[in-house]
N, C-alpha and C. Protein backbone atom coordinates (compact mmCIF):
# COMPACT_ATOMS: atom_id res chain seq x y z
N UNK A 1 -45.64 152.53 102.84
CA UNK A 1 -46.62 153.37 102.29
C UNK A 1 -46.28 153.83 100.79
N UNK A 2 -47.03 154.03 99.98
CA UNK A 2 -46.90 154.34 98.64
C UNK A 2 -46.57 155.95 98.57
N UNK A 3 -45.59 156.54 98.30
CA UNK A 3 -45.54 157.87 98.31
C UNK A 3 -46.37 158.88 97.33
N UNK A 4 -47.15 158.10 96.49
CA UNK A 4 -47.78 158.80 95.39
C UNK A 4 -49.16 159.43 95.85
N UNK A 5 -49.56 158.93 97.12
CA UNK A 5 -50.69 159.32 97.76
C UNK A 5 -50.58 161.00 97.77
N UNK A 6 -51.60 161.83 97.32
CA UNK A 6 -51.54 163.38 97.20
C UNK A 6 -52.75 163.83 98.06
N UNK A 7 -53.73 162.98 97.95
CA UNK A 7 -54.92 163.39 98.84
C UNK A 7 -54.78 163.71 100.18
N UNK A 8 -55.52 164.40 100.87
CA UNK A 8 -55.57 164.86 102.14
C UNK A 8 -56.35 163.75 102.73
N UNK A 9 -57.34 163.15 102.27
CA UNK A 9 -58.25 162.02 102.77
C UNK A 9 -58.16 160.84 102.09
N UNK A 10 -58.31 159.84 102.65
CA UNK A 10 -58.32 158.58 102.06
C UNK A 10 -59.35 157.65 102.72
N UNK A 11 -59.76 156.64 102.05
CA UNK A 11 -60.75 155.55 102.56
C UNK A 11 -59.87 154.39 103.06
N UNK A 12 -60.08 154.14 104.12
CA UNK A 12 -59.18 153.02 104.95
C UNK A 12 -60.26 151.62 104.84
N UNK A 13 -59.41 150.69 104.15
CA UNK A 13 -60.13 149.32 104.45
C UNK A 13 -59.20 148.38 105.36
N UNK A 14 -59.85 147.73 106.24
CA UNK A 14 -59.25 146.92 107.11
C UNK A 14 -58.67 145.52 106.56
N UNK A 15 -57.71 144.89 107.22
CA UNK A 15 -57.20 143.56 106.61
C UNK A 15 -58.08 142.61 106.24
N UNK A 16 -59.23 142.55 107.15
CA UNK A 16 -60.41 141.46 106.66
C UNK A 16 -61.21 141.94 105.60
N UNK A 17 -61.09 143.13 105.16
CA UNK A 17 -61.98 143.68 103.98
C UNK A 17 -62.93 144.67 104.41
N UNK A 18 -63.34 144.57 105.72
CA UNK A 18 -64.31 145.57 106.16
C UNK A 18 -64.19 147.17 106.16
N UNK A 19 -64.94 148.00 105.88
CA UNK A 19 -64.63 149.48 105.72
C UNK A 19 -64.24 149.92 107.15
N UNK A 20 -63.14 150.88 107.11
CA UNK A 20 -63.10 151.46 108.54
C UNK A 20 -63.39 152.98 108.24
N UNK A 21 -63.54 153.37 107.13
CA UNK A 21 -64.01 154.76 106.89
C UNK A 21 -63.08 155.80 106.23
N UNK A 22 -63.58 157.13 105.92
CA UNK A 22 -62.73 158.01 105.41
C UNK A 22 -61.92 158.46 106.59
N UNK A 23 -60.64 158.62 106.38
CA UNK A 23 -59.62 159.03 107.48
C UNK A 23 -58.73 160.01 106.92
N UNK A 24 -58.26 160.98 107.64
CA UNK A 24 -57.04 162.00 107.21
C UNK A 24 -55.70 161.01 106.77
N UNK A 25 -55.06 161.36 105.98
CA UNK A 25 -53.87 160.65 105.70
C UNK A 25 -52.88 160.41 106.95
N UNK A 26 -52.74 161.35 107.61
CA UNK A 26 -52.00 161.18 108.98
C UNK A 26 -52.51 160.25 109.58
N UNK A 27 -53.84 160.22 109.88
CA UNK A 27 -54.50 159.54 110.86
C UNK A 27 -54.43 158.02 110.37
N UNK A 28 -54.66 157.73 109.16
CA UNK A 28 -54.37 156.46 108.51
C UNK A 28 -53.07 156.01 108.63
N UNK A 29 -52.16 156.45 108.48
CA UNK A 29 -50.64 156.18 108.39
C UNK A 29 -50.46 155.80 110.14
N UNK A 30 -51.13 156.70 111.00
CA UNK A 30 -50.67 156.26 112.46
C UNK A 30 -51.48 154.94 112.89
N UNK A 31 -52.62 154.84 112.37
CA UNK A 31 -53.52 153.35 112.50
C UNK A 31 -52.54 152.27 111.88
N UNK A 32 -52.03 152.34 110.74
CA UNK A 32 -51.14 151.32 110.42
C UNK A 32 -49.96 151.21 111.05
N UNK A 33 -49.22 152.25 111.50
CA UNK A 33 -48.11 152.07 112.47
C UNK A 33 -48.47 151.29 113.66
N UNK A 34 -49.79 151.58 114.26
CA UNK A 34 -50.18 151.04 115.55
C UNK A 34 -50.31 149.50 115.44
N UNK A 35 -50.91 149.23 114.37
CA UNK A 35 -51.27 147.74 114.05
C UNK A 35 -50.12 147.17 113.40
N UNK A 36 -49.07 147.56 113.36
CA UNK A 36 -47.65 147.05 112.67
C UNK A 36 -47.95 146.47 111.33
N UNK A 37 -48.81 147.36 110.44
CA UNK A 37 -49.16 146.84 109.20
C UNK A 37 -48.76 148.22 108.11
N UNK A 38 -49.01 147.82 106.76
CA UNK A 38 -48.41 148.81 105.97
C UNK A 38 -49.83 149.43 105.24
N UNK A 39 -49.70 150.46 104.93
CA UNK A 39 -50.99 151.23 104.15
C UNK A 39 -50.61 151.45 102.70
N UNK A 40 -51.36 150.29 101.99
CA UNK A 40 -51.17 150.24 100.57
C UNK A 40 -52.23 150.92 99.91
N UNK A 41 -52.01 151.79 98.84
CA UNK A 41 -52.99 152.47 98.11
C UNK A 41 -53.46 151.26 96.83
N UNK A 42 -54.75 151.03 96.92
CA UNK A 42 -55.11 150.11 95.91
C UNK A 42 -56.11 150.63 94.99
N UNK A 43 -56.62 151.75 95.05
CA UNK A 43 -57.36 152.43 94.19
C UNK A 43 -57.20 153.86 94.15
N UNK A 44 -56.06 154.35 93.49
CA UNK A 44 -55.76 155.58 93.47
C UNK A 44 -56.64 156.70 92.78
N UNK A 45 -57.35 156.20 91.92
CA UNK A 45 -58.21 157.09 90.99
C UNK A 45 -59.65 157.44 91.60
N UNK A 46 -59.84 156.52 92.75
CA UNK A 46 -61.19 156.74 93.40
C UNK A 46 -61.11 157.97 94.23
N UNK A 47 -62.43 158.59 94.25
CA UNK A 47 -62.53 159.78 95.11
C UNK A 47 -63.19 159.66 96.58
N UNK A 48 -62.65 159.52 97.65
CA UNK A 48 -61.34 159.64 97.82
C UNK A 48 -60.43 158.31 97.63
N UNK A 49 -58.96 158.55 97.30
CA UNK A 49 -58.29 157.29 97.03
C UNK A 49 -58.59 156.03 98.11
N UNK A 50 -58.56 154.80 97.74
CA UNK A 50 -58.76 153.60 98.65
C UNK A 50 -57.57 153.17 99.23
N UNK A 51 -57.20 153.07 100.55
CA UNK A 51 -55.78 152.33 100.87
C UNK A 51 -56.29 151.32 101.77
N UNK A 52 -55.43 150.25 102.02
CA UNK A 52 -55.82 148.98 102.61
C UNK A 52 -54.61 148.57 103.73
N UNK A 53 -55.08 148.44 104.66
CA UNK A 53 -54.11 148.17 105.99
C UNK A 53 -53.87 146.61 105.61
N UNK A 54 -52.56 146.27 105.44
CA UNK A 54 -51.99 144.92 105.06
C UNK A 54 -50.60 144.64 105.47
N UNK A 55 -50.25 143.46 105.64
CA UNK A 55 -48.86 143.07 105.59
C UNK A 55 -48.23 143.10 104.23
N UNK A 56 -47.75 143.92 103.78
CA UNK A 56 -47.23 143.84 102.18
C UNK A 56 -46.41 142.71 102.07
N UNK A 57 -45.54 142.50 102.89
CA UNK A 57 -44.43 141.43 102.56
C UNK A 57 -45.00 140.02 102.43
N UNK A 58 -45.97 139.89 103.36
CA UNK A 58 -46.85 138.76 103.39
C UNK A 58 -47.74 138.45 102.07
N UNK A 59 -48.34 139.55 101.76
CA UNK A 59 -48.89 139.47 100.45
C UNK A 59 -48.29 139.23 99.30
N UNK A 60 -47.02 139.83 99.08
CA UNK A 60 -46.11 139.46 97.97
C UNK A 60 -45.77 137.94 98.11
N UNK A 61 -45.25 137.59 99.04
CA UNK A 61 -45.05 136.17 99.34
C UNK A 61 -46.11 135.06 98.84
N UNK A 62 -47.43 135.45 99.46
CA UNK A 62 -48.50 134.57 99.12
C UNK A 62 -48.83 134.64 97.51
N UNK A 63 -48.50 135.81 96.92
CA UNK A 63 -48.89 135.98 95.51
C UNK A 63 -47.69 135.13 94.69
N UNK A 64 -46.40 135.20 95.15
CA UNK A 64 -45.34 134.30 94.45
C UNK A 64 -45.57 132.68 94.58
N UNK A 65 -46.31 132.32 95.85
CA UNK A 65 -46.49 131.01 96.20
C UNK A 65 -47.84 130.63 95.12
N UNK A 66 -48.70 131.50 94.79
CA UNK A 66 -49.69 131.09 93.97
C UNK A 66 -49.16 130.99 92.37
N UNK A 67 -48.30 131.87 92.06
CA UNK A 67 -47.60 131.84 90.72
C UNK A 67 -47.12 130.56 90.59
N UNK A 68 -46.09 130.18 91.59
CA UNK A 68 -45.32 128.84 91.49
C UNK A 68 -46.27 127.75 91.37
N UNK A 69 -47.40 127.83 92.18
CA UNK A 69 -48.23 126.64 91.96
C UNK A 69 -49.05 126.63 90.56
N UNK A 70 -49.40 127.75 90.15
CA UNK A 70 -49.92 127.74 88.70
C UNK A 70 -49.03 127.38 87.59
N UNK A 71 -47.70 127.47 87.90
CA UNK A 71 -46.75 127.12 86.92
C UNK A 71 -46.49 125.79 86.99
N UNK A 72 -46.86 125.02 88.26
CA UNK A 72 -46.67 123.42 88.29
C UNK A 72 -47.64 122.85 87.56
N UNK A 73 -48.99 123.40 87.57
CA UNK A 73 -50.02 122.63 86.89
C UNK A 73 -50.00 122.77 85.52
N UNK A 74 -49.22 123.96 84.95
CA UNK A 74 -49.37 124.22 83.71
C UNK A 74 -48.73 122.82 82.85
N UNK A 75 -48.97 122.60 81.51
CA UNK A 75 -48.26 121.49 80.93
C UNK A 75 -47.92 122.13 79.69
N UNK A 76 -46.50 121.75 79.44
CA UNK A 76 -46.04 122.37 78.14
C UNK A 76 -46.08 121.29 77.06
N UNK A 77 -46.65 121.56 76.03
CA UNK A 77 -46.90 120.72 74.90
C UNK A 77 -45.35 120.84 73.90
N UNK A 78 -45.15 119.50 73.72
CA UNK A 78 -43.95 119.44 72.91
C UNK A 78 -44.21 118.68 71.59
N UNK A 79 -43.71 119.13 70.63
CA UNK A 79 -44.08 118.62 69.15
C UNK A 79 -42.63 117.88 68.73
N UNK A 80 -43.11 116.46 68.61
CA UNK A 80 -42.14 115.46 68.04
C UNK A 80 -42.47 115.44 66.75
N UNK A 81 -41.32 115.22 65.93
CA UNK A 81 -41.38 115.23 64.57
C UNK A 81 -40.75 113.78 64.12
N UNK A 82 -41.70 113.20 63.09
CA UNK A 82 -41.27 111.77 62.45
C UNK A 82 -41.25 112.22 60.97
N UNK A 83 -40.34 111.61 60.30
CA UNK A 83 -39.98 112.03 58.92
C UNK A 83 -40.34 110.66 58.21
N UNK A 84 -40.85 110.79 56.91
CA UNK A 84 -41.07 109.44 56.09
C UNK A 84 -40.66 109.85 54.58
N UNK A 85 -40.47 108.86 53.91
CA UNK A 85 -40.37 109.14 52.37
C UNK A 85 -41.74 108.52 51.68
N UNK A 86 -41.83 108.93 50.62
CA UNK A 86 -43.12 108.51 49.75
C UNK A 86 -42.86 106.92 49.49
N UNK A 87 -41.75 106.50 49.29
CA UNK A 87 -41.74 105.08 49.18
C UNK A 87 -41.20 104.62 50.28
N UNK A 88 -42.21 104.27 51.28
CA UNK A 88 -41.79 103.56 52.43
C UNK A 88 -42.27 102.28 52.64
N UNK A 89 -41.56 101.40 53.11
CA UNK A 89 -41.84 99.94 53.31
C UNK A 89 -43.06 99.77 54.16
N UNK A 90 -43.71 98.67 54.39
CA UNK A 90 -44.87 98.55 55.19
C UNK A 90 -44.28 98.47 56.76
N UNK A 91 -43.16 97.70 56.87
CA UNK A 91 -42.52 97.56 58.38
C UNK A 91 -42.19 99.09 58.80
N UNK A 92 -41.51 99.85 57.94
CA UNK A 92 -41.00 101.09 58.17
C UNK A 92 -42.22 101.95 58.46
N UNK A 93 -43.40 101.76 57.89
CA UNK A 93 -44.57 102.63 58.17
C UNK A 93 -45.18 102.20 59.49
N UNK A 94 -45.13 100.75 60.01
CA UNK A 94 -45.56 100.38 61.26
C UNK A 94 -44.83 100.77 62.31
N UNK A 95 -43.34 101.01 62.16
CA UNK A 95 -42.33 101.64 63.32
C UNK A 95 -42.77 102.97 63.48
N UNK A 96 -43.05 103.69 62.27
CA UNK A 96 -43.18 105.11 62.32
C UNK A 96 -44.70 105.39 63.03
N UNK A 97 -45.74 104.51 62.74
CA UNK A 97 -47.10 104.58 63.23
C UNK A 97 -46.91 104.19 64.78
N UNK A 98 -46.14 103.30 65.22
CA UNK A 98 -45.95 102.87 66.40
C UNK A 98 -45.21 104.06 67.59
N UNK A 99 -44.24 104.65 66.82
CA UNK A 99 -43.66 105.99 67.67
C UNK A 99 -44.56 107.06 67.74
N UNK A 100 -45.34 107.24 66.62
CA UNK A 100 -46.45 108.26 66.80
C UNK A 100 -47.25 108.02 68.04
N UNK A 101 -47.94 106.68 67.98
CA UNK A 101 -48.77 106.40 68.95
C UNK A 101 -48.20 106.51 70.41
N UNK A 102 -46.81 106.21 70.47
CA UNK A 102 -46.19 106.56 71.88
C UNK A 102 -46.01 107.94 72.20
N UNK A 103 -45.70 108.82 71.06
CA UNK A 103 -45.70 110.16 71.41
C UNK A 103 -46.91 110.82 71.81
N UNK A 104 -48.27 110.34 71.13
CA UNK A 104 -49.45 110.73 71.47
C UNK A 104 -49.85 110.35 72.89
N UNK A 105 -49.43 109.26 73.12
CA UNK A 105 -49.77 108.54 74.49
C UNK A 105 -49.32 109.35 75.76
N UNK A 106 -47.90 109.93 75.35
CA UNK A 106 -47.24 110.75 76.30
C UNK A 106 -47.95 112.10 76.45
N UNK A 107 -48.79 112.39 75.66
CA UNK A 107 -49.37 113.77 75.69
C UNK A 107 -48.73 114.78 74.64
N UNK A 108 -47.81 114.09 73.77
CA UNK A 108 -46.84 115.13 73.03
C UNK A 108 -47.61 115.33 71.51
N UNK A 109 -47.61 116.29 70.92
CA UNK A 109 -48.03 116.44 69.60
C UNK A 109 -47.03 115.89 68.64
N UNK A 110 -47.50 115.37 67.52
CA UNK A 110 -46.62 114.68 66.50
C UNK A 110 -46.74 115.63 65.02
N UNK A 111 -45.64 115.90 64.48
CA UNK A 111 -45.56 116.67 63.30
C UNK A 111 -44.79 115.26 62.30
N UNK A 112 -45.78 115.02 61.31
CA UNK A 112 -45.13 113.97 60.27
C UNK A 112 -44.98 114.74 59.13
N UNK A 113 -43.65 114.37 58.72
CA UNK A 113 -43.31 115.06 57.57
C UNK A 113 -42.68 113.98 56.48
N UNK A 114 -43.29 114.36 55.13
CA UNK A 114 -42.81 113.70 54.26
C UNK A 114 -41.76 114.35 53.18
N UNK A 115 -40.83 113.84 52.85
CA UNK A 115 -39.78 114.42 51.84
C UNK A 115 -39.94 114.10 50.59
N UNK A 116 -40.14 114.85 49.50
CA UNK A 116 -40.32 114.56 48.24
C UNK A 116 -38.88 114.77 47.51
N UNK A 117 -38.41 113.58 46.85
CA UNK A 117 -37.00 113.58 46.03
C UNK A 117 -37.13 113.42 44.94
N UNK A 118 -36.79 114.27 43.82
CA UNK A 118 -36.77 114.21 42.38
C UNK A 118 -37.99 114.28 41.96
N UNK A 119 -38.58 113.00 41.07
CA UNK A 119 -39.75 113.06 40.44
C UNK A 119 -40.86 112.76 41.33
N UNK A 120 -40.61 112.24 42.64
CA UNK A 120 -41.68 112.17 43.62
C UNK A 120 -42.39 113.37 43.81
N UNK A 121 -41.93 114.71 43.48
CA UNK A 121 -42.55 115.75 43.76
C UNK A 121 -43.74 116.11 42.46
N UNK A 122 -43.68 115.33 41.58
CA UNK A 122 -44.86 115.45 40.44
C UNK A 122 -46.00 114.66 41.00
N UNK A 123 -45.85 113.78 42.15
CA UNK A 123 -46.99 113.06 42.63
C UNK A 123 -47.25 113.43 44.15
N UNK A 124 -47.76 114.60 44.44
CA UNK A 124 -48.09 114.81 45.85
C UNK A 124 -49.05 114.09 46.43
N UNK A 125 -49.92 113.47 45.50
CA UNK A 125 -51.13 112.90 45.90
C UNK A 125 -50.65 111.44 46.82
N UNK A 126 -49.55 110.85 46.59
CA UNK A 126 -48.75 109.83 47.16
C UNK A 126 -48.55 110.06 48.58
N UNK A 127 -48.09 111.18 48.67
CA UNK A 127 -47.68 111.55 50.18
C UNK A 127 -48.78 112.05 50.82
N UNK A 128 -49.97 112.45 50.27
CA UNK A 128 -51.14 112.84 51.09
C UNK A 128 -52.06 111.50 51.47
N UNK A 129 -51.98 110.60 50.70
CA UNK A 129 -52.41 109.23 50.82
C UNK A 129 -51.90 108.59 52.02
N UNK A 130 -50.52 108.67 52.20
CA UNK A 130 -49.62 108.01 53.09
C UNK A 130 -50.09 108.96 54.30
N UNK A 131 -50.10 110.11 54.43
CA UNK A 131 -50.44 110.88 55.82
C UNK A 131 -51.88 110.45 56.24
N UNK A 132 -52.95 110.37 55.15
CA UNK A 132 -54.14 110.04 55.43
C UNK A 132 -54.22 108.56 56.07
N UNK A 133 -53.49 107.68 55.56
CA UNK A 133 -53.55 106.40 56.04
C UNK A 133 -52.88 106.39 57.49
N UNK A 134 -51.87 107.06 57.86
CA UNK A 134 -51.28 107.26 59.22
C UNK A 134 -52.49 107.70 60.11
N UNK A 135 -53.02 108.95 59.59
CA UNK A 135 -54.14 109.65 60.50
C UNK A 135 -55.37 108.45 60.82
N UNK A 136 -55.72 107.76 59.95
CA UNK A 136 -56.76 106.81 59.86
C UNK A 136 -56.26 105.72 61.02
N UNK A 137 -55.00 105.17 60.99
CA UNK A 137 -54.43 104.14 61.94
C UNK A 137 -54.38 104.67 63.18
N UNK A 138 -54.27 105.83 63.49
CA UNK A 138 -53.92 106.55 65.05
C UNK A 138 -55.42 107.22 65.18
N UNK A 139 -56.40 107.11 64.67
CA UNK A 139 -57.65 107.90 65.04
C UNK A 139 -58.18 107.55 66.38
N UNK A 140 -58.02 106.40 66.59
CA UNK A 140 -58.53 106.45 68.05
C UNK A 140 -57.67 106.98 69.39
N UNK A 141 -56.43 107.41 68.96
CA UNK A 141 -55.69 108.05 70.05
C UNK A 141 -55.05 109.51 69.60
N UNK A 142 -55.72 109.97 68.40
CA UNK A 142 -55.03 111.35 67.82
C UNK A 142 -56.31 111.91 67.17
N UNK A 143 -56.21 113.10 67.15
CA UNK A 143 -57.01 114.08 66.06
C UNK A 143 -56.09 114.83 65.14
N UNK A 144 -56.50 114.97 63.97
CA UNK A 144 -55.70 115.78 62.95
C UNK A 144 -55.74 117.18 63.38
N UNK A 145 -54.94 117.82 63.84
CA UNK A 145 -54.80 119.37 64.02
C UNK A 145 -54.70 120.08 63.03
N UNK A 146 -53.48 119.70 62.00
CA UNK A 146 -53.25 120.38 60.81
C UNK A 146 -53.40 119.38 59.71
N UNK A 147 -54.12 119.58 58.84
CA UNK A 147 -54.33 118.76 57.77
C UNK A 147 -53.18 118.89 56.80
N UNK A 148 -52.65 117.86 56.01
CA UNK A 148 -51.67 117.80 55.27
C UNK A 148 -51.56 118.81 54.35
N UNK A 149 -50.40 119.74 54.36
CA UNK A 149 -50.28 120.53 53.47
C UNK A 149 -48.71 120.50 52.85
N UNK A 150 -48.55 120.91 51.72
CA UNK A 150 -47.24 121.11 51.11
C UNK A 150 -46.46 122.28 51.15
N UNK A 151 -45.10 122.20 51.54
CA UNK A 151 -44.39 123.53 51.78
C UNK A 151 -43.08 123.03 51.04
N UNK A 152 -43.05 123.65 49.89
CA UNK A 152 -41.69 123.41 49.13
C UNK A 152 -41.52 121.67 48.70
N UNK A 153 -40.46 121.15 49.16
CA UNK A 153 -40.33 119.92 48.85
C UNK A 153 -40.81 118.74 50.07
N UNK A 154 -41.58 119.32 50.81
CA UNK A 154 -42.11 118.54 51.92
C UNK A 154 -43.53 118.72 52.19
N UNK A 155 -44.20 117.62 52.88
CA UNK A 155 -45.58 117.88 53.17
C UNK A 155 -45.81 117.55 54.47
N UNK A 156 -46.56 118.44 55.32
CA UNK A 156 -46.43 118.20 56.70
C UNK A 156 -48.01 117.87 57.23
N UNK A 157 -48.12 117.22 58.37
CA UNK A 157 -49.38 117.14 58.98
C UNK A 157 -49.00 117.14 60.45
N UNK A 158 -49.96 117.80 61.31
CA UNK A 158 -49.76 117.61 62.84
C UNK A 158 -50.91 116.81 63.44
N UNK A 159 -50.45 116.08 64.28
CA UNK A 159 -51.50 115.06 64.96
C UNK A 159 -51.56 115.66 66.52
N UNK A 160 -52.62 115.80 67.22
CA UNK A 160 -52.75 116.17 68.39
C UNK A 160 -53.36 114.82 69.30
N UNK A 161 -53.02 114.66 70.59
CA UNK A 161 -53.61 113.45 71.39
C UNK A 161 -55.11 113.92 71.63
N UNK A 162 -55.74 112.75 71.43
CA UNK A 162 -57.26 113.00 71.56
C UNK A 162 -57.59 113.17 73.13
N UNK A 163 -58.52 113.86 73.68
CA UNK A 163 -58.87 113.80 75.18
C UNK A 163 -59.25 112.60 75.59
N UNK A 164 -60.08 111.78 74.72
CA UNK A 164 -60.73 110.48 75.32
C UNK A 164 -59.42 109.47 75.30
N UNK A 165 -58.42 109.49 74.39
CA UNK A 165 -57.57 108.58 74.60
C UNK A 165 -56.49 108.77 75.86
N UNK A 166 -56.35 110.11 76.21
CA UNK A 166 -55.51 110.43 77.46
C UNK A 166 -56.27 109.98 78.67
N UNK A 167 -57.71 110.10 78.72
CA UNK A 167 -58.46 109.87 79.71
C UNK A 167 -58.48 108.23 79.96
N UNK A 168 -58.55 107.46 78.98
CA UNK A 168 -58.33 105.98 78.88
C UNK A 168 -57.10 105.67 79.44
N UNK A 169 -55.88 106.41 79.11
CA UNK A 169 -54.66 105.84 79.49
C UNK A 169 -54.38 106.20 80.88
N UNK A 170 -55.02 107.19 81.31
CA UNK A 170 -54.76 107.64 82.75
C UNK A 170 -55.50 106.79 83.85
N UNK A 171 -56.51 106.23 83.24
CA UNK A 171 -57.56 105.20 84.05
C UNK A 171 -56.84 103.81 83.94
N UNK A 172 -56.16 103.41 82.92
CA UNK A 172 -55.65 102.18 83.02
C UNK A 172 -54.32 102.12 83.68
N UNK A 173 -53.65 103.32 84.15
CA UNK A 173 -52.34 103.46 84.83
C UNK A 173 -52.84 103.29 86.34
N UNK A 174 -54.16 103.71 86.66
CA UNK A 174 -54.40 103.63 88.12
C UNK A 174 -54.66 102.32 88.28
N UNK A 175 -55.20 101.42 87.49
CA UNK A 175 -55.59 100.06 88.09
C UNK A 175 -54.48 99.08 87.97
């Protein structure tokens, strides 16, 4: 029992949720002891305070099991980074596109970074065109989460897996 109860009378609730009624604190404690349960204060600000008869250890265990199950169902999104240069060959671009599609199929986000060196910085449009080309090529499996934006000597874009693409991939794995 929580030692914070100061009222002389408390409203007692049975383990199944039904109302037992307003009882004196000593009487409620005696009832809990007879039923081999704990008297737990659930609404201290109510008039009179509300106490519930329950097995507190079992309640805490059930709460921890629920939290564990919720954590199992959570998915952690990871961000994979791919780097390119402005003057990239077609074959290298295809490899980068294939890796991006693999990461997106796994449910990961992809951050594509283009590094500008020397005079390449004077032409950020070339980098934007390259990122737009990549986004267009993977449009069936990805959506652009963050449009290309320049930060210092690099330009970045973030791609996220499209929900449709994930559903198609899961259905093809089942067959």
